[in-house]
């Protein structure tokens, strides 16, 4: 029971404090509670009890820090000041205390969020919270001065009060959305500056209008709000799209890095096989490997290459395989290219071709074949590899090649591509089509 109370102490404190606050507000006749509205009273008490409990929880989070006592003192004094100002009918003091109470709560929640959820270190938090406190203090001064001027000058539609209130709400906007405000500050300040000038000229020109009639003019200050909301939503959408693009670029760069070792390891295995056989073709294989790796390293990191370069790379790889396998495998490479100057993401086709040798040719003792077809027509590239294989000799383990290929195709081409595999008896077919 004691452990339970310690864990949820803020909830207990929150409802006790709310009860004291309610009694104080009833005493100064700020709120009236109808005893007949039992359901509404219970719902309201539960709602505000939860709100106060969250604030109390945020305050208790700081109990081991020096700022804790300042938070508690400011919270109690500002709330007491509002009740006292209401009791003495001193509006400026009461409203200023109430506003101080609001910004104190905002600072408490802001501090709690940054330390608890954003995991700011103490040094970083100290650097951030000082300018934040200064901004809140400036807002408090502007609000108090504006409200005080309005009370003491007693001028209907006081232009000074209206100007200060405009500056105040711009300050609130700046604190709540600093990045957006900084980005569009010229537009925001220009709009409200022009509206203030219009308001002053209107008051001077039509001084005989009543306060109720002037309310129509006040509505023009609401005009920029929907525009700014739409602009903010557009910025958020644009930021989200940029984030997705950056993530895709980072993932694509990582996948490209994986292509090099994947191909390199496979080719080294080929070289090892020939070296073990003490083949005279080993030097030619090393030279061919050098050409292939040069392409992989230098062209593989580019976003696009000419299709002719990719074809030359595939032909070098095929020649390397022919050197390795001698007469064991029949390789055909047919090309039907009806469009020129086509570019493509590098090192896509090689994965399908490698699989044909690794899982097809290498599993057969004789009569192995690999048929390759590359077609380019009607703004579409089709690359197809067909090979035979021995199902009983295949390993169940899967390499990174195909998964890598699928991810790269999804990032670069999205829905503009298709990758299909067909198995019929001892024949395996892979077909990749890309719309360009």
Protein backbone atom coordinates (compact mmCIF):
# COMPACT_ATOMS: atom_id res chain seq x y z
CA UNK A 1 0.00 0.00 0.00
CA UNK A 2 2.82 2.37 0.93
CA UNK A 3 4.66 1.55 -2.31
CA UNK A 4 1.45 2.22 -4.27
CA UNK A 5 0.97 5.61 -2.59
CA UNK A 6 4.58 6.58 -3.28
CA UNK A 7 4.23 5.66 -6.94
CA UNK A 8 0.98 7.61 -7.42
CA UNK A 9 1.56 10.34 -4.82
CA UNK A 10 1.23 13.07 -7.46
CA UNK A 11 -2.36 11.98 -8.18
CA UNK A 12 -3.29 12.17 -4.49
CA UNK A 13 -1.56 15.55 -4.11
CA UNK A 14 -3.17 16.80 -7.32
CA UNK A 15 -6.73 16.19 -6.19
CA UNK A 16 -6.06 17.60 -2.70
CA UNK A 17 -4.55 20.77 -4.21
CA UNK A 18 -7.44 21.06 -6.67
CA UNK A 19 -9.93 20.88 -3.79
CA UNK A 20 -8.10 23.73 -1.99
CA UNK A 21 -7.97 25.80 -5.21
CA UNK A 22 -11.69 25.27 -5.85
CA UNK A 23 -12.56 26.38 -2.31
CA UNK A 24 -10.47 29.51 -2.77
CA UNK A 25 -12.09 30.33 -6.12
CA UNK A 26 -15.55 29.80 -4.64
CA UNK A 27 -14.65 32.09 -1.73
CA UNK A 28 -13.74 34.99 -4.06
CA UNK A 29 -16.79 34.18 -6.23
CA UNK A 30 -14.73 33.43 -9.31
CA UNK A 31 -16.61 30.20 -9.88
CA UNK A 32 -20.04 29.03 -8.81
CA UNK A 33 -20.88 25.35 -8.39
CA UNK A 34 -24.44 24.19 -8.85
CA UNK A 35 -25.01 21.28 -6.40
CA UNK A 36 -27.74 19.94 -8.70
CA UNK A 37 -25.25 19.35 -11.56
CA UNK A 38 -23.64 16.34 -9.89
CA UNK A 39 -22.42 14.62 -13.07
CA UNK A 40 -20.87 17.78 -14.53
CA UNK A 41 -19.22 18.58 -11.20
CA UNK A 42 -17.70 15.09 -10.91
CA UNK A 43 -16.49 15.06 -14.53
CA UNK A 44 -15.03 18.56 -14.18
CA UNK A 45 -13.31 17.68 -10.90
CA UNK A 46 -11.81 14.52 -12.39
CA UNK A 47 -10.62 16.36 -15.51
CA UNK A 48 -8.94 19.22 -13.65
CA UNK A 49 -7.67 16.81 -11.02
CA UNK A 50 -5.77 14.91 -13.71
CA UNK A 51 -4.39 18.18 -15.13
CA UNK A 52 -3.17 19.35 -11.72
CA UNK A 53 -1.78 15.87 -10.99
CA UNK A 54 0.33 15.99 -14.16
CA UNK A 55 1.70 19.40 -13.17
CA UNK A 56 2.41 18.16 -9.63
CA UNK A 57 4.16 15.12 -11.10
CA UNK A 58 6.29 17.44 -13.26
CA UNK A 59 7.16 19.57 -10.20
CA UNK A 60 8.10 16.51 -8.12
CA UNK A 61 10.34 15.35 -10.96
CA UNK A 62 12.54 18.39 -10.13
CA UNK A 63 12.58 17.82 -6.37
CA UNK A 64 16.32 16.99 -6.34
CA UNK A 65 17.18 20.16 -8.24
CA UNK A 66 17.54 23.67 -6.82
CA UNK A 67 14.91 25.02 -9.20
CA UNK A 68 12.30 22.87 -7.42
CA UNK A 69 11.80 25.37 -4.58
CA UNK A 70 11.53 28.26 -7.03
CA UNK A 71 8.87 26.39 -9.01
CA UNK A 72 6.82 25.65 -5.89
CA UNK A 73 7.14 29.22 -4.58
CA UNK A 74 6.20 30.81 -7.92
CA UNK A 75 3.31 28.37 -8.39
CA UNK A 76 1.84 29.03 -4.92
CA UNK A 77 2.44 32.81 -4.92
CA UNK A 78 0.99 33.37 -8.42
CA UNK A 79 -2.13 31.36 -7.60
CA UNK A 80 -2.52 33.10 -4.24
CA UNK A 81 -1.96 36.46 -5.95
CA UNK A 82 -4.82 35.78 -8.37
CA UNK A 83 -7.20 34.85 -5.53
CA UNK A 84 -6.09 37.90 -3.50
CA UNK A 85 -6.45 40.23 -6.49
CA UNK A 86 -9.92 38.89 -7.09
CA UNK A 87 -10.84 39.31 -3.40
CA UNK A 88 -9.54 42.92 -3.29
CA UNK A 89 -11.00 43.68 -6.75
CA UNK A 90 -7.56 44.69 -7.98
CA UNK A 91 -7.80 43.56 -11.58
CA UNK A 92 -4.27 44.32 -12.77
CA UNK A 93 -2.70 42.41 -9.89
CA UNK A 94 -5.18 39.54 -10.17
CA UNK A 95 -4.92 39.06 -13.94
CA UNK A 96 -1.12 39.46 -13.91
CA UNK A 97 -0.87 36.83 -11.16
CA UNK A 98 -3.11 34.49 -13.13
CA UNK A 99 -0.96 34.92 -16.25
CA UNK A 100 2.17 34.32 -14.15
CA UNK A 101 0.52 31.13 -12.89
CA UNK A 102 -0.05 29.98 -16.50
CA UNK A 103 3.51 30.63 -17.66
CA UNK A 104 4.88 28.99 -14.49
CA UNK A 105 2.95 25.83 -15.37
CA UNK A 106 4.21 26.06 -18.93
CA UNK A 107 7.81 26.35 -17.72
CA UNK A 108 7.36 23.40 -15.33
CA UNK A 109 5.98 21.16 -18.09
CA UNK A 110 8.61 22.37 -20.57
CA UNK A 111 11.44 21.57 -18.13
CA UNK A 112 9.97 18.16 -17.32
CA UNK A 113 9.56 17.28 -21.01
CA UNK A 114 13.12 18.28 -21.94
CA UNK A 115 14.76 16.44 -19.03
CA UNK A 116 12.49 13.39 -18.91
CA UNK A 117 11.71 12.69 -22.56
CA UNK A 118 14.23 14.61 -24.65
CA UNK A 119 16.96 13.39 -22.26
CA UNK A 120 18.78 16.73 -22.18
CA UNK A 121 21.89 16.71 -20.06
CA UNK A 122 22.05 19.15 -17.15
CA UNK A 123 24.56 21.43 -18.87
CA UNK A 124 22.55 21.54 -22.10
CA UNK A 125 19.36 22.15 -20.14
CA UNK A 126 20.90 25.09 -18.25
CA UNK A 127 21.92 26.67 -21.55
CA UNK A 128 18.43 26.19 -22.97
CA UNK A 129 16.29 27.16 -19.98
CA UNK A 130 17.83 30.60 -19.34
CA UNK A 131 16.78 32.17 -22.69
CA UNK A 132 13.43 30.38 -22.37
CA UNK A 133 12.83 32.02 -18.97
CA UNK A 134 13.79 35.42 -20.39
CA UNK A 135 11.22 35.00 -23.18
CA UNK A 136 8.50 34.11 -20.66
CA UNK A 137 9.47 37.10 -18.50
CA UNK A 138 9.27 39.45 -21.50
CA UNK A 139 5.81 38.07 -22.32
CA UNK A 140 4.72 38.60 -18.72
CA UNK A 141 5.93 42.23 -18.78
CA UNK A 142 4.21 42.95 -22.11
CA UNK A 143 0.96 41.42 -20.91
CA UNK A 144 1.02 43.25 -17.56
CA UNK A 145 1.90 46.61 -19.11
CA UNK A 146 -0.76 46.23 -21.79
CA UNK A 147 -3.45 45.26 -19.29
CA UNK A 148 -2.37 48.01 -16.88
CA UNK A 149 -2.48 50.68 -19.59
CA UNK A 150 -5.94 49.53 -20.62
CA UNK A 151 -7.18 49.75 -17.00
CA UNK A 152 -5.62 53.10 -16.03
CA UNK A 153 -6.07 55.05 -19.28
CA UNK A 154 -9.67 53.82 -19.68
CA UNK A 155 -9.71 54.61 -23.41
CA UNK A 156 -12.03 52.45 -25.53
CA UNK A 157 -10.11 50.49 -28.15
CA UNK A 158 -6.82 51.90 -26.87
CA UNK A 159 -4.34 51.62 -29.77
CA UNK A 160 -1.42 51.17 -27.35
CA UNK A 161 -3.14 48.25 -25.63
CA UNK A 162 -4.03 46.73 -28.96
CA UNK A 163 -0.45 47.04 -30.23
CA UNK A 164 0.93 45.44 -27.04
CA UNK A 165 -1.58 42.59 -27.22
CA UNK A 166 -0.57 41.96 -30.83
CA UNK A 167 3.09 41.85 -29.82
CA UNK A 168 2.16 39.56 -26.93
CA UNK A 169 0.41 37.00 -29.14
CA UNK A 170 3.25 37.14 -31.65
CA UNK A 171 5.57 36.36 -28.72
CA UNK A 172 3.40 33.40 -27.72
CA UNK A 173 3.54 32.19 -31.32
CA UNK A 174 7.33 32.60 -31.33
CA UNK A 175 7.71 30.50 -28.16
CA UNK A 176 5.34 27.74 -29.29
CA UNK A 177 6.73 27.44 -32.84
CA UNK A 178 10.19 29.08 -32.87
CA UNK A 179 11.48 27.35 -36.01
CA UNK A 180 8.39 28.21 -38.04
CA UNK A 181 8.39 31.81 -36.74
CA UNK A 182 12.05 32.33 -37.60
CA UNK A 183 11.58 30.87 -41.08
CA UNK A 184 8.56 33.06 -41.92
CA UNK A 185 9.23 36.03 -39.63
CA UNK A 186 9.21 38.57 -42.46
CA UNK A 187 5.80 37.37 -43.65
CA UNK A 188 4.32 37.20 -40.12
CA UNK A 189 5.68 40.56 -38.95
CA UNK A 190 4.81 42.17 -42.28
CA UNK A 191 1.19 40.96 -42.13
CA UNK A 192 0.55 42.04 -38.56
CA UNK A 193 2.53 45.27 -38.97
CA UNK A 194 0.33 46.21 -41.94
CA UNK A 195 -2.83 45.26 -40.00
CA UNK A 196 -1.77 47.41 -37.03
CA UNK A 197 -1.17 50.42 -39.30
CA UNK A 198 -4.56 49.84 -40.89
CA UNK A 199 -6.18 49.63 -37.43
CA UNK A 200 -4.58 52.90 -36.23
CA UNK A 201 -5.63 54.74 -39.40
CA UNK A 202 -9.15 53.35 -39.08
CA UNK A 203 -9.50 54.47 -35.44
CA UNK A 204 -8.23 57.96 -36.31
CA UNK A 205 -10.46 58.30 -39.37
CA UNK A 206 -13.62 56.89 -37.78
CA UNK A 207 -13.31 57.98 -34.16
CA UNK A 208 -17.07 58.22 -33.68
CA UNK A 209 -17.59 54.47 -34.06
CA UNK A 210 -18.67 52.49 -30.99
CA UNK A 211 -16.66 49.68 -29.44
CA UNK A 212 -19.14 47.11 -30.75
CA UNK A 213 -18.73 48.48 -34.26
CA UNK A 214 -14.95 48.36 -33.94
CA UNK A 215 -15.15 44.65 -33.19
CA UNK A 216 -15.72 44.17 -36.92
CA UNK A 217 -12.29 45.67 -37.54
CA UNK A 218 -10.71 43.40 -34.92
CA UNK A 219 -11.78 40.38 -36.96
CA UNK A 220 -9.27 41.26 -39.69
CA UNK A 221 -6.51 40.23 -37.27
CA UNK A 222 -7.88 36.68 -37.46
CA UNK A 223 -7.42 36.62 -41.23
CA UNK A 224 -3.71 35.55 -41.23
CA UNK A 225 -4.34 32.65 -38.80
CA UNK A 226 -5.80 30.14 -41.34
CA UNK A 227 -3.09 31.16 -43.80
CA UNK A 228 -0.35 30.55 -41.24
CA UNK A 229 -1.91 27.21 -40.21
CA UNK A 230 -1.92 26.07 -43.85
CA UNK A 231 1.66 27.26 -44.25
CA UNK A 232 2.67 25.36 -41.09
CA UNK A 233 0.96 22.18 -42.35
CA UNK A 234 2.75 22.54 -45.68
CA UNK A 235 6.10 22.94 -43.87
CA UNK A 236 5.40 19.80 -41.82
CA UNK A 237 4.49 17.84 -44.96
CA UNK A 238 7.61 19.10 -46.75
CA UNK A 239 9.77 18.23 -43.73
CA UNK A 240 8.28 14.74 -43.62
CA UNK A 241 8.94 14.20 -47.32
CA UNK A 242 12.53 15.43 -46.94
CA UNK A 243 12.99 13.12 -43.97
CA UNK A 244 11.74 10.16 -46.02
CA UNK A 245 14.03 11.11 -48.92
CA UNK A 246 17.06 11.46 -46.63
CA UNK A 247 16.29 8.12 -45.02
CA UNK A 248 15.97 6.51 -48.46
CA UNK A 249 19.28 8.02 -49.58
CA UNK A 250 21.04 6.80 -46.45
CA UNK A 251 19.58 3.31 -46.85
CA UNK A 252 20.48 3.24 -50.55
CA UNK A 253 24.06 4.28 -49.77
CA UNK A 254 24.29 1.47 -47.22
CA UNK A 255 22.91 -1.06 -49.71
CA UNK A 256 25.40 0.09 -52.33
CA UNK A 257 28.22 -0.44 -49.85
CA UNK A 258 26.98 -4.00 -49.37
CA UNK A 259 27.12 -4.72 -53.13
CA UNK A 260 30.91 -4.37 -53.29
CA UNK A 261 31.86 -6.97 -50.67
CA UNK A 262 29.04 -9.27 -51.79
CA UNK A 263 30.34 -9.38 -55.36
CA UNK A 264 33.96 -9.34 -54.26
CA UNK A 265 33.57 -12.39 -52.02
CA UNK A 266 31.79 -14.34 -54.76
CA UNK A 267 34.49 -13.54 -57.32
CA UNK A 268 37.29 -14.39 -54.91
CA UNK A 269 35.67 -17.80 -54.49
CA UNK A 270 35.88 -18.22 -58.26
CA UNK A 271 39.53 -17.16 -58.24
CA UNK A 272 40.25 -19.59 -55.42
CA UNK A 273 38.77 -22.44 -57.45
CA UNK A 274 41.01 -21.74 -60.45
CA UNK A 275 44.11 -21.21 -58.29
CA UNK A 276 43.48 -24.54 -56.60
CA UNK A 277 43.32 -26.17 -60.02
CA UNK A 278 46.58 -24.39 -60.97
CA UNK A 279 44.89 -23.16 -64.12
CA UNK A 280 46.88 -21.21 -66.72
CA UNK A 281 43.90 -18.90 -66.99
CA UNK A 282 44.37 -17.59 -63.44
CA UNK A 283 46.34 -14.45 -64.57
CA UNK A 284 43.60 -13.63 -67.11
CA UNK A 285 41.01 -14.08 -64.42
CA UNK A 286 42.86 -11.70 -62.10
CA UNK A 287 43.07 -9.08 -64.87
CA UNK A 288 39.39 -9.46 -65.68
CA UNK A 289 38.57 -9.25 -61.99
CA UNK A 290 40.53 -6.00 -61.81
CA UNK A 291 38.41 -4.48 -64.61
CA UNK A 292 35.21 -5.65 -62.97
CA UNK A 293 36.15 -4.33 -59.53
CA UNK A 294 37.14 -0.99 -61.04
CA UNK A 295 33.62 -0.65 -62.40
CA UNK A 296 32.04 -1.76 -59.12
CA UNK A 297 34.07 0.68 -57.03
CA UNK A 298 33.91 3.77 -59.25
CA UNK A 299 30.65 3.37 -61.17
CA UNK A 300 28.77 1.53 -58.44
CA UNK A 301 28.60 4.61 -56.21
CA UNK A 302 26.97 6.77 -58.92
CA UNK A 303 23.21 7.26 -59.04
CA UNK A 304 22.97 6.36 -62.72
CA UNK A 305 25.21 5.04 -65.47
CA UNK A 306 24.75 4.61 -69.20
CA UNK A 307 23.13 1.29 -70.11
CA UNK A 308 26.04 0.53 -72.47
CA UNK A 309 28.46 0.69 -69.53
CA UNK A 310 26.35 -1.74 -67.53
CA UNK A 311 26.21 -4.11 -70.52
CA UNK A 312 29.99 -4.02 -70.88
CA UNK A 313 30.30 -4.83 -67.19
CA UNK A 314 27.93 -7.82 -67.56
CA UNK A 315 29.89 -9.07 -70.58
CA UNK A 316 33.14 -8.91 -68.59
CA UNK A 317 31.50 -10.91 -65.82
CA UNK A 318 30.22 -13.50 -68.33
CA UNK A 319 33.68 -13.81 -69.85
CA UNK A 320 35.11 -14.33 -66.37
CA UNK A 321 32.61 -17.15 -65.77
CA UNK A 322 33.44 -18.75 -69.11
CA UNK A 323 37.13 -18.78 -68.18
CA UNK A 324 36.30 -20.37 -64.89
CA UNK A 325 33.86 -23.05 -66.13
CA UNK A 326 35.53 -23.91 -69.47
CA UNK A 327 33.06 -25.99 -71.52
CA UNK A 328 30.89 -26.90 -68.55
CA UNK A 329 28.33 -24.16 -69.17
CA UNK A 330 26.63 -22.69 -72.25
CA UNK A 331 26.08 -18.95 -71.89
CA UNK A 332 24.03 -16.82 -74.29
CA UNK A 333 23.51 -13.09 -74.00
CA UNK A 334 20.92 -11.67 -76.43
CA UNK A 335 20.28 -7.95 -76.65
CA UNK A 336 17.44 -6.06 -78.31
CA UNK A 337 17.99 -2.36 -77.66
CA UNK A 338 15.67 -0.06 -79.61
CA UNK A 339 16.37 3.12 -77.63
CA UNK A 340 19.61 4.98 -77.14
CA UNK A 341 21.07 7.11 -74.33
CA UNK A 342 19.29 5.14 -71.61
CA UNK A 343 20.57 5.49 -68.05
CA UNK A 344 20.02 3.06 -65.20
CA UNK A 345 20.99 2.52 -61.58
CA UNK A 346 24.22 0.46 -61.62
CA UNK A 347 24.71 -3.09 -60.34
CA UNK A 348 21.09 -4.24 -60.48
CA UNK A 349 21.30 -6.94 -63.14
CA UNK A 350 24.45 -8.54 -61.74
CA UNK A 351 22.60 -9.94 -58.72
CA UNK A 352 20.28 -12.03 -60.90
CA UNK A 353 23.18 -13.17 -63.06
CA UNK A 354 25.28 -14.12 -60.04
CA UNK A 355 22.43 -16.20 -58.63
CA UNK A 356 22.14 -18.07 -61.92
CA UNK A 357 25.75 -19.22 -61.57
CA UNK A 358 25.85 -19.67 -57.80
CA UNK A 359 22.59 -21.60 -57.44
CA UNK A 360 22.36 -22.99 -60.97
CA UNK A 361 25.63 -23.68 -62.76
CA UNK A 362 27.58 -24.51 -59.60
CA UNK A 363 24.98 -27.14 -58.63
CA UNK A 364 25.34 -29.05 -61.94
CA UNK A 365 28.09 -31.34 -63.12
CA UNK A 366 27.28 -31.07 -66.84
CA UNK A 367 24.83 -29.59 -69.39
CA UNK A 368 24.49 -26.35 -67.46
CA UNK A 369 23.21 -23.28 -69.28
CA UNK A 370 22.47 -19.63 -68.62
CA UNK A 371 20.36 -17.66 -71.09
CA UNK A 372 20.33 -13.87 -70.70
CA UNK A 373 17.99 -11.49 -72.49
CA UNK A 374 18.08 -7.69 -72.35
CA UNK A 375 15.36 -5.70 -74.14
CA UNK A 376 14.82 -1.96 -74.27
CA UNK A 377 11.71 -0.72 -76.05
CA UNK A 378 8.62 1.40 -75.41
CA UNK A 379 10.31 3.14 -72.46
CA UNK A 380 10.79 -0.17 -70.68
CA UNK A 381 13.90 -2.16 -69.78
CA UNK A 382 13.46 -5.92 -69.40
CA UNK A 383 16.28 -8.10 -68.10
CA UNK A 384 15.67 -11.85 -67.95
CA UNK A 385 17.90 -14.70 -66.80
CA UNK A 386 16.99 -18.36 -67.28
CA UNK A 387 19.11 -21.23 -66.00
CA UNK A 388 18.81 -24.89 -65.07
CA UNK A 389 19.74 -26.24 -61.64
CA UNK A 390 19.88 -29.32 -59.47
CA UNK A 391 17.32 -28.90 -56.67
CA UNK A 392 18.91 -31.62 -54.53
CA UNK A 393 22.26 -29.81 -54.51
CA UNK A 394 20.92 -26.39 -53.52
CA UNK A 395 21.69 -24.93 -50.12
CA UNK A 396 18.80 -23.69 -48.00
CA UNK A 397 20.77 -20.65 -46.82
CA UNK A 398 19.94 -17.34 -48.47
CA UNK A 399 22.48 -14.63 -49.28
CA UNK A 400 22.05 -10.88 -49.04
CA UNK A 401 21.97 -10.34 -52.82
CA UNK A 402 18.25 -10.67 -53.64
CA UNK A 403 17.07 -8.84 -50.51
CA UNK A 404 19.52 -6.08 -51.29
CA UNK A 405 18.23 -5.90 -54.87
CA UNK A 406 14.58 -5.73 -53.78
CA UNK A 407 15.27 -2.89 -51.34
CA UNK A 408 17.27 -0.89 -53.88
CA UNK A 409 14.58 -1.30 -56.53
CA UNK A 410 11.90 -0.20 -54.06
CA UNK A 411 13.85 2.91 -53.07
CA UNK A 412 14.91 3.99 -56.58
CA UNK A 413 12.02 2.88 -58.79
CA UNK A 414 9.11 2.32 -56.42
CA UNK A 415 6.08 1.08 -58.35
CA UNK A 416 7.83 1.61 -61.69
CA UNK A 417 9.41 -1.82 -61.58
CA UNK A 418 8.49 -5.49 -61.25
CA UNK A 419 10.63 -8.45 -60.22
CA UNK A 420 9.25 -11.93 -60.90
CA UNK A 421 10.60 -15.43 -60.39
CA UNK A 422 9.33 -18.58 -62.09
CA UNK A 423 10.34 -22.19 -61.33
CA UNK A 424 9.40 -25.03 -63.67
CA UNK A 425 10.89 -28.46 -62.94
CA UNK A 426 14.65 -27.90 -63.15
CA UNK A 427 14.47 -24.43 -64.73
CA UNK A 428 14.66 -21.12 -62.87
CA UNK A 429 13.65 -17.82 -64.49
CA UNK A 430 14.11 -14.31 -63.08
CA UNK A 431 12.69 -11.28 -64.91
CA UNK A 432 13.18 -7.64 -63.96
CA UNK A 433 11.29 -4.87 -65.78
CA UNK A 434 11.81 -1.16 -65.22
CA UNK A 435 9.69 1.64 -66.65
CA UNK A 436 11.87 4.58 -67.65
